[in-house]
Protein backbone atom coordinates (compact mmCIF):
# COMPACT_ATOMS: atom_id res chain seq x y z
CA MET A 1 -23.98 14.63 -0.13
CA PRO A 2 -24.18 18.32 -1.06
CA ASN A 3 -26.37 19.19 -4.02
CA SER A 4 -23.47 20.60 -6.03
CA ILE A 5 -21.72 17.22 -5.91
CA GLN A 6 -24.90 15.33 -6.76
CA ASN A 7 -25.39 17.59 -9.77
CA ASN A 8 -21.72 17.31 -10.82
CA PRO A 9 -20.48 13.71 -10.82
CA SER A 10 -17.03 14.80 -12.02
CA GLU A 11 -16.65 16.95 -8.88
CA ALA A 12 -17.63 13.98 -6.71
CA PHE A 13 -15.10 11.82 -8.55
CA VAL A 14 -12.28 14.35 -8.19
CA ARG A 15 -13.04 14.74 -4.49
CA ALA A 16 -13.06 10.95 -3.96
CA LEU A 17 -9.87 10.50 -5.94
CA THR A 18 -8.12 13.27 -4.06
CA GLU A 19 -9.20 11.87 -0.69
CA SER A 20 -7.89 8.44 -1.70
CA GLN A 21 -4.47 9.51 -2.98
CA THR A 22 -2.64 8.83 0.30
CA ALA A 23 -4.16 5.35 0.59
CA LEU A 24 -3.48 4.59 -3.08
CA ARG A 25 0.14 5.77 -2.78
CA GLY A 26 0.59 3.63 0.31
CA TYR A 27 -0.90 0.67 -1.50
CA CYS A 28 1.46 1.05 -4.48
CA GLN A 29 4.44 1.54 -2.19
CA ALA A 30 3.57 -1.45 -0.04
CA SER A 31 3.26 -3.50 -3.20
CA LEU A 32 6.34 -2.27 -5.04
CA GLY A 33 8.52 -0.32 -2.65
CA HIS A 34 9.32 3.39 -2.81
CA GLY A 35 10.91 3.44 -6.23
CA GLU A 36 9.86 4.60 -9.65
CA GLU A 37 7.66 1.52 -10.07
CA ALA A 38 5.33 2.64 -7.25
CA LYS A 39 5.11 6.14 -8.69
CA GLU A 40 4.37 4.72 -12.12
CA ALA A 41 1.68 2.40 -10.72
CA LEU A 42 0.03 5.28 -8.89
CA GLN A 43 0.07 7.43 -12.00
CA ARG A 44 -1.35 4.59 -14.15
CA THR A 45 -4.04 3.98 -11.56
CA SER A 46 -5.11 7.62 -11.51
CA ILE A 47 -5.26 7.69 -15.31
CA VAL A 48 -7.37 4.53 -15.51
CA LEU A 49 -9.67 5.75 -12.76
CA TRP A 50 -10.16 9.02 -14.62
CA LYS A 51 -10.91 7.21 -17.87
CA LYS A 52 -13.44 4.97 -16.08
CA ARG A 53 -14.93 7.72 -13.89
CA GLU A 54 -18.36 7.37 -15.57
CA LYS A 55 -18.53 3.77 -14.29
CA TRP A 56 -18.14 4.75 -10.63
CA ASP A 57 -21.31 5.05 -8.61
CA PRO A 58 -20.85 7.85 -6.02
CA GLU A 59 -23.11 5.88 -3.65
CA THR A 60 -20.47 3.12 -3.39
CA PRO A 61 -17.11 3.24 -1.58
CA PHE A 62 -14.55 4.77 -3.95
CA LEU A 63 -11.46 3.30 -2.28
CA HIS A 64 -12.47 -0.34 -2.81
CA TRP A 65 -12.95 0.28 -6.52
CA ALA A 66 -9.73 2.29 -6.74
CA ILE A 67 -7.69 -0.43 -5.00
CA ALA A 68 -9.05 -3.03 -7.43
CA VAL A 69 -7.81 -0.87 -10.32
CA ALA A 70 -4.48 -0.23 -8.56
CA LYS A 71 -3.92 -3.97 -8.13
CA PHE A 72 -4.04 -4.52 -11.88
CA GLU A 73 -1.80 -1.52 -12.52
CA VAL A 74 0.81 -2.72 -9.99
CA LEU A 75 0.84 -6.11 -11.68
CA GLY A 76 1.08 -4.38 -15.06
CA VAL A 77 4.14 -2.43 -13.97
CA VAL A 78 5.81 -5.64 -12.83
CA ARG A 79 4.93 -7.39 -16.10
CA ASP A 80 6.31 -4.46 -18.12
CA ARG A 81 9.52 -4.35 -16.11
CA GLN A 82 10.02 -8.09 -16.53
CA ARG A 83 9.69 -7.70 -20.28
CA GLU A 84 12.26 -4.89 -20.27
CA SER A 85 14.79 -6.69 -18.12
CA LYS A 86 15.37 -10.22 -16.96
CA ARG A 87 16.82 -8.80 -13.73
CA TYR A 88 13.66 -7.37 -12.19
CA VAL A 89 13.82 -7.79 -8.41
CA PHE A 90 10.44 -9.40 -7.73
CA ASP A 91 8.74 -12.11 -9.67
CA SER A 92 5.01 -11.90 -10.36
CA GLU A 93 3.97 -14.36 -7.62
CA VAL A 94 5.84 -12.39 -4.94
CA VAL A 95 4.22 -9.16 -6.10
CA GLU A 96 0.79 -10.85 -6.11
CA GLN A 97 1.31 -11.70 -2.42
CA MET A 98 2.60 -8.19 -1.66
CA VAL A 99 -0.42 -6.71 -3.43
CA ASP A 100 -2.80 -8.84 -1.35
CA ASP A 101 -0.97 -7.91 1.84
CA ALA A 102 -1.06 -4.21 0.91
CA GLU A 103 -4.77 -4.40 0.11
CA ALA A 104 -5.49 -5.56 3.65
CA THR A 105 -3.82 -2.48 5.14
CA VAL A 106 -5.44 0.25 3.06
CA GLY A 107 -8.29 2.15 4.63
CA LEU A 108 -7.77 1.02 8.21
CA ASN A 109 -10.72 1.46 10.49
CA PRO A 110 -10.23 3.05 13.94
CA GLU A 111 -10.07 -0.35 15.69
CA MET A 112 -7.37 -1.51 13.31
CA GLU A 113 -5.41 1.73 13.74
CA GLU A 114 -5.53 1.32 17.52
CA ALA A 115 -4.46 -2.32 17.26
CA LEU A 116 -1.63 -1.30 14.91
CA GLU A 117 -0.39 1.25 17.45
CA VAL A 118 -0.42 -1.39 20.22
CA CYS A 119 1.39 -3.88 18.00
CA MET A 120 3.96 -1.32 16.83
CA SER A 121 4.79 -0.57 20.47
CA LYS A 122 5.55 -4.26 20.97
CA LEU A 123 8.22 -4.30 18.24
CA SER A 124 11.86 -3.88 19.06
CA LEU A 125 13.32 -0.41 18.60
CA LYS A 126 15.42 -1.69 15.70
CA ASN A 127 12.34 -3.08 13.91
CA ARG A 128 10.32 0.10 14.53
CA GLU A 129 13.16 2.24 13.20
CA THR A 130 13.54 0.06 10.12
CA LEU A 131 9.82 0.18 9.36
CA SER A 132 9.72 3.90 9.96
CA ALA A 133 12.74 4.57 7.74
CA TYR A 134 11.29 2.48 4.91
CA TYR A 135 7.60 3.41 5.03
CA SER A 136 8.19 7.10 5.61
CA GLY A 137 10.10 7.05 2.32
CA ASP A 138 13.29 8.30 3.95
CA LEU A 139 15.39 5.26 2.98
CA THR A 140 15.29 2.64 0.29
CA ILE A 141 15.85 -1.02 1.06
CA LYS A 142 19.35 -0.68 -0.38
CA GLU A 143 20.10 2.26 1.94
CA ILE A 144 18.77 0.39 4.93
CA ALA A 145 20.91 -2.62 4.02
CA ASN A 146 24.02 -0.46 3.60
CA SER A 147 23.47 1.39 6.88
CA GLY A 148 23.19 -1.88 8.80
CA ASN A 149 25.82 -3.84 6.84
CA ARG A 150 23.15 -6.30 5.73
CA GLY A 151 22.24 -7.71 2.35
CA LEU A 152 19.24 -6.55 0.32
CA GLY A 153 17.60 -9.96 0.64
CA ALA A 154 18.06 -9.94 4.42
CA VAL A 155 16.36 -6.55 4.70
CA ARG A 156 13.49 -7.64 2.45
CA VAL A 157 12.98 -10.77 4.53
CA MET A 158 13.16 -8.70 7.71
CA LEU A 159 10.48 -6.32 6.45
CA MET A 160 8.29 -9.21 5.32
CA ARG A 161 8.61 -10.90 8.75
CA ILE A 162 7.83 -7.65 10.58
CA ARG A 163 4.73 -7.13 8.42
CA ARG A 164 3.60 -10.70 9.07
CA SER A 165 4.23 -10.30 12.79
CA LEU A 166 2.24 -7.03 12.80
CA GLY A 167 -0.57 -8.66 10.84
CA SER A 168 -0.82 -11.56 13.31
CA CYS A 169 -0.65 -9.21 16.29
CA ILE A 170 -3.39 -6.99 14.80
CA GLU A 171 -5.62 -10.04 14.25
CA ARG A 172 -5.09 -11.11 17.88
CA GLN A 173 -5.84 -7.60 19.13
CA LEU A 174 -9.03 -7.38 17.10
CA ALA A 175 -10.10 -10.86 18.26
CA LYS A 176 -9.71 -9.61 21.85
CA GLY A 177 -12.11 -6.81 21.00
CA GLY A 178 -9.69 -3.98 20.47
CA ALA A 179 -6.34 -2.81 21.63
CA ALA A 180 -6.66 -3.98 25.23
């Protein structure tokens, strides 16, 4: 670590936070979708991380700590939305599962990235296009449902099944020793 960063813990923190923003955004979006809730969870997470920056040890992995904070903020957004409206889309248990699933995908190592590429290539074109449209942020679940004349629930279930299928495929690829 350069001396300037060792001498300035705030600079090390800002650098680590900045480098983690893409992963944190992905985590919040995987947990809550691409709506305002994910943006709010990311913003809350960044604020809490800043307030607790003195507690972070620059010798430890920042992303693991940041994801732990993000998990609580995602759940906090869901709790707040449920208080505001009885019609919130996800219940807390579903979000807990989504949070855990999202946590497993953040900070992929090179072997996992390679396995993901292999597994993505095994998906049908329709499933790849749906994942790409949703996770690139181009379309919401509602827009995907409307474009395919499907219900919101059907699209949610489809995305969940695709994620599970990818997860299983990745585990099999890694057990084989890579993307072979």
